[in-house]
Amino acid sequence: MSAGAIRNDIRRLRFEHGEMTQEELAKRCGVTRQTVIALEAGRYAPSLELAFRIARAFGVGVEGVFRWEE
């Protein structure tokens, strides 16, 4: 398997959605604010379920939030 990374646009999407706070996104997705911080910083790759919850919070598909970069 080749090395790669999951990148995301969570921070940009939060600001495009009324400057949603990390805490608000966390509550909508059922996780802690620390999890959102780690996701935005690229230190944590979400489970498939969490990826869908985040995408739904923004009203986009999973690929509208996350992408794979080699």
PDB file of N, CA and C in Angstrom:
ATOM      1  N   MET A   1       0.848  -1.178   0.000  1.00  0.00           N
ATOM      2  CA  MET A   1       0.000   0.000   0.000  1.00  0.00           C
ATOM      3  C   MET A   1       0.896   1.245   0.000  1.00  0.00           C
ATOM      4  N   SER A   2       0.598   2.208  -0.841  1.00  0.00           N
ATOM      5  CA  SER A   2       1.405   3.414  -0.905  1.00  0.00           C
ATOM      6  C   SER A   2       1.050   4.369   0.223  1.00  0.00           C
ATOM      7  N   ALA A   3       2.044   5.150   0.601  1.00  0.00           N
ATOM      8  CA  ALA A   3       1.813   6.134   1.661  1.00  0.00           C
ATOM      9  C   ALA A   3       0.980   7.282   1.112  1.00  0.00           C
ATOM     10  N   GLY A   4       0.082   7.755   1.916  1.00  0.00           N
ATOM     11  CA  GLY A   4      -0.771   8.868   1.522  1.00  0.00           C
ATOM     12  C   GLY A   4      -1.374   9.483   2.751  1.00  0.00           C
ATOM     13  N   ALA A   5      -2.192  10.443   2.531  1.00  0.00           N
ATOM     14  CA  ALA A   5      -2.800  11.112   3.673  1.00  0.00           C
ATOM     15  C   ALA A   5      -4.214  11.552   3.326  1.00  0.00           C
ATOM     16  N   ILE A   6      -5.047  11.526   4.341  1.00  0.00           N
ATOM     17  CA  ILE A   6      -6.402  12.044   4.184  1.00  0.00           C
ATOM     18  C   ILE A   6      -6.368  13.521   4.548  1.00  0.00           C
ATOM     19  N   ARG A   7      -6.747  14.352   3.616  1.00  0.00           N
ATOM     20  CA  ARG A   7      -6.804  15.800   3.833  1.00  0.00           C
ATOM     21  C   ARG A   7      -8.265  16.190   3.983  1.00  0.00           C
ATOM     22  N   ASN A   8      -8.494  17.339   4.610  1.00  0.00           N
ATOM     23  CA  ASN A   8      -9.879  17.770   4.776  1.00  0.00           C
ATOM     24  C   ASN A   8     -10.013  19.281   4.658  1.00  0.00           C
ATOM     25  N   ASP A   9     -11.249  19.709   4.452  1.00  0.00           N
ATOM     26  CA  ASP A   9     -11.583  21.129   4.343  1.00  0.00           C
ATOM     27  C   ASP A   9     -12.522  21.548   5.470  1.00  0.00           C
ATOM     28  N   ILE A  10     -12.379  20.931   6.628  1.00  0.00           N
ATOM     29  CA  ILE A  10     -13.289  21.211   7.740  1.00  0.00           C
ATOM     30  C   ILE A  10     -13.223  22.672   8.150  1.00  0.00           C
ATOM     31  N   ARG A  11     -12.036  23.197   8.312  1.00  0.00           N
ATOM     32  CA  ARG A  11     -11.908  24.595   8.760  1.00  0.00           C
ATOM     33  C   ARG A  11     -12.596  25.549   7.781  1.00  0.00           C
ATOM     34  N   ARG A  12     -12.323  25.372   6.498  1.00  0.00           N
ATOM     35  CA  ARG A  12     -12.941  26.234   5.482  1.00  0.00           C
ATOM     36  C   ARG A  12     -14.462  26.102   5.515  1.00  0.00           C
ATOM     37  N   LEU A  13     -14.938  24.884   5.602  1.00  0.00           N
ATOM     38  CA  LEU A  13     -16.379  24.656   5.625  1.00  0.00           C
ATOM     39  C   LEU A  13     -17.040  25.265   6.860  1.00  0.00           C
ATOM     40  N   ARG A  14     -16.357  25.207   8.003  1.00  0.00           N
ATOM     41  CA  ARG A  14     -16.916  25.815   9.208  1.00  0.00           C
ATOM     42  C   ARG A  14     -17.140  27.308   8.994  1.00  0.00           C
ATOM     43  N   PHE A  15     -16.172  27.966   8.385  1.00  0.00           N
ATOM     44  CA  PHE A  15     -16.298  29.406   8.174  1.00  0.00           C
ATOM     45  C   PHE A  15     -17.310  29.744   7.088  1.00  0.00           C
ATOM     46  N   GLU A  16     -17.460  28.869   6.117  1.00  0.00           N
ATOM     47  CA  GLU A  16     -18.471  29.081   5.080  1.00  0.00           C
ATOM     48  C   GLU A  16     -19.884  28.835   5.603  1.00  0.00           C
ATOM     49  N   HIS A  17     -20.000  28.176   6.729  1.00  0.00           N
ATOM     50  CA  HIS A  17     -21.302  27.885   7.333  1.00  0.00           C
ATOM     51  C   HIS A  17     -21.496  28.727   8.582  1.00  0.00           C
ATOM     52  N   GLY A  18     -21.424  30.032   8.394  1.00  0.00           N
ATOM     53  CA  GLY A  18     -21.706  30.974   9.474  1.00  0.00           C
ATOM     54  C   GLY A  18     -20.674  31.004  10.568  1.00  0.00           C
ATOM     55  N   GLU A  19     -19.420  30.730  10.207  1.00  0.00           N
ATOM     56  CA  GLU A  19     -18.332  30.698  11.186  1.00  0.00           C
ATOM     57  C   GLU A  19     -18.665  29.761  12.342  1.00  0.00           C
ATOM     58  N   MET A  20     -19.130  28.559  11.974  1.00  0.00           N
ATOM     59  CA  MET A  20     -19.446  27.516  12.946  1.00  0.00           C
ATOM     60  C   MET A  20     -18.221  27.259  13.821  1.00  0.00           C
ATOM     61  N   THR A  21     -18.448  27.170  15.108  1.00  0.00           N
ATOM     62  CA  THR A  21     -17.328  26.901  16.013  1.00  0.00           C
ATOM     63  C   THR A  21     -16.984  25.410  15.996  1.00  0.00           C
ATOM     64  N   GLN A  22     -15.787  25.108  16.467  1.00  0.00           N
ATOM     65  CA  GLN A  22     -15.385  23.715  16.601  1.00  0.00           C
ATOM     66  C   GLN A  22     -16.317  23.000  17.575  1.00  0.00           C
ATOM     67  N   GLU A  23     -16.710  23.682  18.630  1.00  0.00           N
ATOM     68  CA  GLU A  23     -17.612  23.098  19.619  1.00  0.00           C
ATOM     69  C   GLU A  23     -18.962  22.757  18.998  1.00  0.00           C
ATOM     70  N   GLU A  24     -19.496  23.651  18.176  1.00  0.00           N
ATOM     71  CA  GLU A  24     -20.790  23.398  17.531  1.00  0.00           C
ATOM     72  C   GLU A  24     -20.710  22.197  16.593  1.00  0.00           C
ATOM     73  N   LEU A  25     -19.649  22.131  15.804  1.00  0.00           N
ATOM     74  CA  LEU A  25     -19.477  20.985  14.909  1.00  0.00           C
ATOM     75  C   LEU A  25     -19.348  19.703  15.723  1.00  0.00           C
ATOM     76  N   ALA A  26     -18.586  19.757  16.795  1.00  0.00           N
ATOM     77  CA  ALA A  26     -18.408  18.581  17.649  1.00  0.00           C
ATOM     78  C   ALA A  26     -19.745  18.092  18.190  1.00  0.00           C
ATOM     79  N   LYS A  27     -20.573  19.004  18.664  1.00  0.00           N
ATOM     80  CA  LYS A  27     -21.883  18.621  19.204  1.00  0.00           C
ATOM     81  C   LYS A  27     -22.761  18.007  18.124  1.00  0.00           C
ATOM     82  N   ARG A  28     -22.748  18.576  16.943  1.00  0.00           N
ATOM     83  CA  ARG A  28     -23.562  18.048  15.839  1.00  0.00           C
ATOM     84  C   ARG A  28     -23.135  16.638  15.442  1.00  0.00           C
ATOM     85  N   CYS A  29     -21.850  16.346  15.640  1.00  0.00           N
ATOM     86  CA  CYS A  29     -21.315  15.061  15.201  1.00  0.00           C
ATOM     87  C   CYS A  29     -21.157  14.055  16.337  1.00  0.00           C
ATOM     88  N   GLY A  30     -21.404  14.483  17.577  1.00  0.00           N
ATOM     89  CA  GLY A  30     -21.306  13.567  18.703  1.00  0.00           C
ATOM     90  C   GLY A  30     -19.889  13.228  19.118  1.00  0.00           C
ATOM     91  N   VAL A  31     -18.972  14.199  18.939  1.00  0.00           N
ATOM     92  CA  VAL A  31     -17.581  14.007  19.347  1.00  0.00           C
ATOM     93  C   VAL A  31     -17.148  15.183  20.216  1.00  0.00           C
ATOM     94  N   THR A  32     -15.915  15.159  20.685  1.00  0.00           N
ATOM     95  CA  THR A  32     -15.404  16.255  21.492  1.00  0.00           C
ATOM     96  C   THR A  32     -14.782  17.328  20.596  1.00  0.00           C
ATOM     97  N   ARG A  33     -14.639  18.509  21.152  1.00  0.00           N
ATOM     98  CA  ARG A  33     -13.962  19.594  20.444  1.00  0.00           C
ATOM     99  C   ARG A  33     -12.523  19.195  20.116  1.00  0.00           C
ATOM    100  N   GLN A  34     -11.890  18.448  21.014  1.00  0.00           N
ATOM    101  CA  GLN A  34     -10.513  18.003  20.781  1.00  0.00           C
ATOM    102  C   GLN A  34     -10.414  17.117  19.546  1.00  0.00           C
ATOM    103  N   THR A  35     -11.458  16.326  19.284  1.00  0.00           N
ATOM    104  CA  THR A  35     -11.471  15.501  18.081  1.00  0.00           C
ATOM    105  C   THR A  35     -11.515  16.378  16.837  1.00  0.00           C
ATOM    106  N   VAL A  36     -12.332  17.412  16.859  1.00  0.00           N
ATOM    107  CA  VAL A  36     -12.413  18.334  15.717  1.00  0.00           C
ATOM    108  C   VAL A  36     -11.068  19.027  15.513  1.00  0.00           C
ATOM    109  N   ILE A  37     -10.433  19.446  16.589  1.00  0.00           N
ATOM    110  CA  ILE A  37      -9.113  20.087  16.498  1.00  0.00           C
ATOM    111  C   ILE A  37      -8.118  19.138  15.832  1.00  0.00           C
ATOM    112  N   ALA A  38      -8.092  17.880  16.277  1.00  0.00           N
ATOM    113  CA  ALA A  38      -7.166  16.894  15.711  1.00  0.00           C
ATOM    114  C   ALA A  38      -7.459  16.630  14.238  1.00  0.00           C
ATOM    115  N   LEU A  39      -8.741  16.568  13.878  1.00  0.00           N
ATOM    116  CA  LEU A  39      -9.110  16.367  12.480  1.00  0.00           C
ATOM    117  C   LEU A  39      -8.627  17.526  11.615  1.00  0.00           C
ATOM    118  N   GLU A  40      -8.903  18.748  12.051  1.00  0.00           N
ATOM    119  CA  GLU A  40      -8.503  19.920  11.271  1.00  0.00           C
ATOM    120  C   GLU A  40      -6.990  19.982  11.086  1.00  0.00           C
ATOM    121  N   ALA A  41      -6.258  19.563  12.104  1.00  0.00           N
ATOM    122  CA  ALA A  41      -4.791  19.607  12.044  1.00  0.00           C
ATOM    123  C   ALA A  41      -4.202  18.438  11.262  1.00  0.00           C
ATOM    124  N   GLY A  42      -5.047  17.492  10.857  1.00  0.00           N
ATOM    125  CA  GLY A  42      -4.559  16.350  10.101  1.00  0.00           C
ATOM    126  C   GLY A  42      -3.877  15.302  10.967  1.00  0.00           C
ATOM    127  N   ARG A  43      -4.079  15.355  12.271  1.00  0.00           N
ATOM    128  CA  ARG A  43      -3.468  14.389  13.183  1.00  0.00           C
ATOM    129  C   ARG A  43      -4.329  13.156  13.389  1.00  0.00           C
ATOM    130  N   TYR A  44      -5.526  13.161  12.830  1.00  0.00           N
ATOM    131  CA  TYR A  44      -6.480  12.081  13.073  1.00  0.00           C
ATOM    132  C   TYR A  44      -7.321  11.880  11.823  1.00  0.00           C
ATOM    133  N   ALA A  45      -7.449  10.617  11.417  1.00  0.00           N
ATOM    134  CA  ALA A  45      -8.324  10.275  10.295  1.00  0.00           C
ATOM    135  C   ALA A  45      -9.627   9.744  10.886  1.00  0.00           C
ATOM    136  N   PRO A  46     -10.751  10.269  10.469  1.00  0.00           N
ATOM    137  CA  PRO A  46     -12.021   9.865  11.074  1.00  0.00           C
ATOM    138  C   PRO A  46     -12.446   8.471  10.641  1.00  0.00           C
ATOM    139  N   SER A  47     -13.300   7.875  11.465  1.00  0.00           N
ATOM    140  CA  SER A  47     -13.950   6.629  11.052  1.00  0.00           C
ATOM    141  C   SER A  47     -14.882   6.978   9.893  1.00  0.00           C
ATOM    142  N   LEU A  48     -15.316   5.978   9.182  1.00  0.00           N
ATOM    143  CA  LEU A  48     -16.247   6.209   8.079  1.00  0.00           C
ATOM    144  C   LEU A  48     -17.531   6.845   8.598  1.00  0.00           C
ATOM    145  N   GLU A  49     -18.019   6.363   9.730  1.00  0.00           N
ATOM    146  CA  GLU A  49     -19.239   6.921  10.317  1.00  0.00           C
ATOM    147  C   GLU A  49     -19.069   8.398  10.656  1.00  0.00           C
ATOM    148  N   LEU A  50     -17.950   8.756  11.275  1.00  0.00           N
ATOM    149  CA  LEU A  50     -17.721  10.158  11.626  1.00  0.00           C
ATOM    150  C   LEU A  50     -17.568  11.013  10.377  1.00  0.00           C
ATOM    151  N   ALA A  51     -16.916  10.489   9.360  1.00  0.00           N
ATOM    152  CA  ALA A  51     -16.777  11.236   8.110  1.00  0.00           C
ATOM    153  C   ALA A  51     -18.154  11.582   7.537  1.00  0.00           C
ATOM    154  N   PHE A  52     -19.078  10.627   7.579  1.00  0.00           N
ATOM    155  CA  PHE A  52     -20.430  10.894   7.096  1.00  0.00           C
ATOM    156  C   PHE A  52     -21.153  11.907   7.980  1.00  0.00           C
ATOM    157  N   ARG A  53     -20.972  11.811   9.290  1.00  0.00           N
ATOM    158  CA  ARG A  53     -21.609  12.774  10.190  1.00  0.00           C
ATOM    159  C   ARG A  53     -21.116  14.195   9.926  1.00  0.00           C
ATOM    160  N   ILE A  54     -19.819  14.331   9.716  1.00  0.00           N
ATOM    161  CA  ILE A  54     -19.248  15.654   9.447  1.00  0.00           C
ATOM    162  C   ILE A  54     -19.786  16.194   8.127  1.00  0.00           C
ATOM    163  N   ALA A  55     -19.772  15.356   7.100  1.00  0.00           N
ATOM    164  CA  ALA A  55     -20.282  15.787   5.795  1.00  0.00           C
ATOM    165  C   ALA A  55     -21.744  16.210   5.895  1.00  0.00           C
ATOM    166  N   ARG A  56     -22.536  15.441   6.618  1.00  0.00           N
ATOM    167  CA  ARG A  56     -23.958  15.765   6.784  1.00  0.00           C
ATOM    168  C   ARG A  56     -24.133  17.093   7.515  1.00  0.00           C
ATOM    169  N   ALA A  57     -23.266  17.382   8.491  1.00  0.00           N
ATOM    170  CA  ALA A  57     -23.353  18.642   9.234  1.00  0.00           C
ATOM    171  C   ALA A  57     -23.176  19.837   8.299  1.00  0.00           C
ATOM    172  N   PHE A  58     -22.423  19.643   7.229  1.00  0.00           N
ATOM    173  CA  PHE A  58     -22.195  20.716   6.257  1.00  0.00           C
ATOM    174  C   PHE A  58     -23.116  20.624   5.042  1.00  0.00           C
ATOM    175  N   GLY A  59     -23.902  19.567   4.955  1.00  0.00           N
ATOM    176  CA  GLY A  59     -24.811  19.408   3.827  1.00  0.00           C
ATOM    177  C   GLY A  59     -24.110  19.075   2.528  1.00  0.00           C
ATOM    178  N   VAL A  60     -22.988  18.355   2.628  1.00  0.00           N
ATOM    179  CA  VAL A  60     -22.235  17.954   1.434  1.00  0.00           C
ATOM    180  C   VAL A  60     -21.940  16.461   1.520  1.00  0.00           C
ATOM    181  N   GLY A  61     -21.422  15.915   0.442  1.00  0.00           N
ATOM    182  CA  GLY A  61     -20.993  14.525   0.455  1.00  0.00           C
ATOM    183  C   GLY A  61     -19.645  14.394   1.142  1.00  0.00           C
ATOM    184  N   VAL A  62     -19.257  13.173   1.453  1.00  0.00           N
ATOM    185  CA  VAL A  62     -17.986  12.929   2.130  1.00  0.00           C
ATOM    186  C   VAL A  62     -16.819  13.507   1.332  1.00  0.00           C
ATOM    187  N   GLU A  63     -16.867  13.392   0.027  1.00  0.00           N
ATOM    188  CA  GLU A  63     -15.772  13.907  -0.806  1.00  0.00           C
ATOM    189  C   GLU A  63     -15.770  15.438  -0.865  1.00  0.00           C
ATOM    190  N   GLY A  64     -16.822  16.053  -0.378  1.00  0.00           N
ATOM    191  CA  GLY A  64     -16.829  17.507  -0.251  1.00  0.00           C
ATOM    192  C   GLY A  64     -16.071  17.984   0.972  1.00  0.00           C
ATOM    193  N   VAL A  65     -15.714  17.045   1.852  1.00  0.00           N
ATOM    194  CA  VAL A  65     -14.979  17.369   3.075  1.00  0.00           C
ATOM    195  C   VAL A  65     -13.594  16.743   3.074  1.00  0.00           C
ATOM    196  N   PHE A  66     -13.509  15.470   2.643  1.00  0.00           N
ATOM    197  CA  PHE A  66     -12.268  14.716   2.734  1.00  0.00           C
ATOM    198  C   PHE A  66     -11.768  14.304   1.351  1.00  0.00           C
ATOM    199  N   ARG A  67     -10.445  14.185   1.243  1.00  0.00           N
ATOM    200  CA  ARG A  67      -9.836  13.704   0.001  1.00  0.00           C
ATOM    201  C   ARG A  67      -8.534  12.973   0.333  1.00  0.00           C
ATOM    202  N   TRP A  68      -8.185  12.042  -0.501  1.00  0.00           N
ATOM    203  CA  TRP A  68      -6.959  11.258  -0.354  1.00  0.00           C
ATOM    204  C   TRP A  68      -5.879  11.863  -1.220  1.00  0.00           C
ATOM    205  N   GLU A  69      -4.727  12.143  -0.627  1.00  0.00           N
ATOM    206  CA  GLU A  69      -3.597  12.663  -1.392  1.00  0.00           C
ATOM    207  C   GLU A  69      -2.397  11.761  -1.201  1.00  0.00           C
ATOM    208  N   GLU A  70      -1.792  11.371  -2.324  1.00  0.00           N
ATOM    209  CA  GLU A  70      -0.606  10.505  -2.250  1.00  0.00           C
ATOM    210  C   GLU A  70       0.640  11.330  -2.181  1.00  0.00           C
TER     211      GLU A  70
END
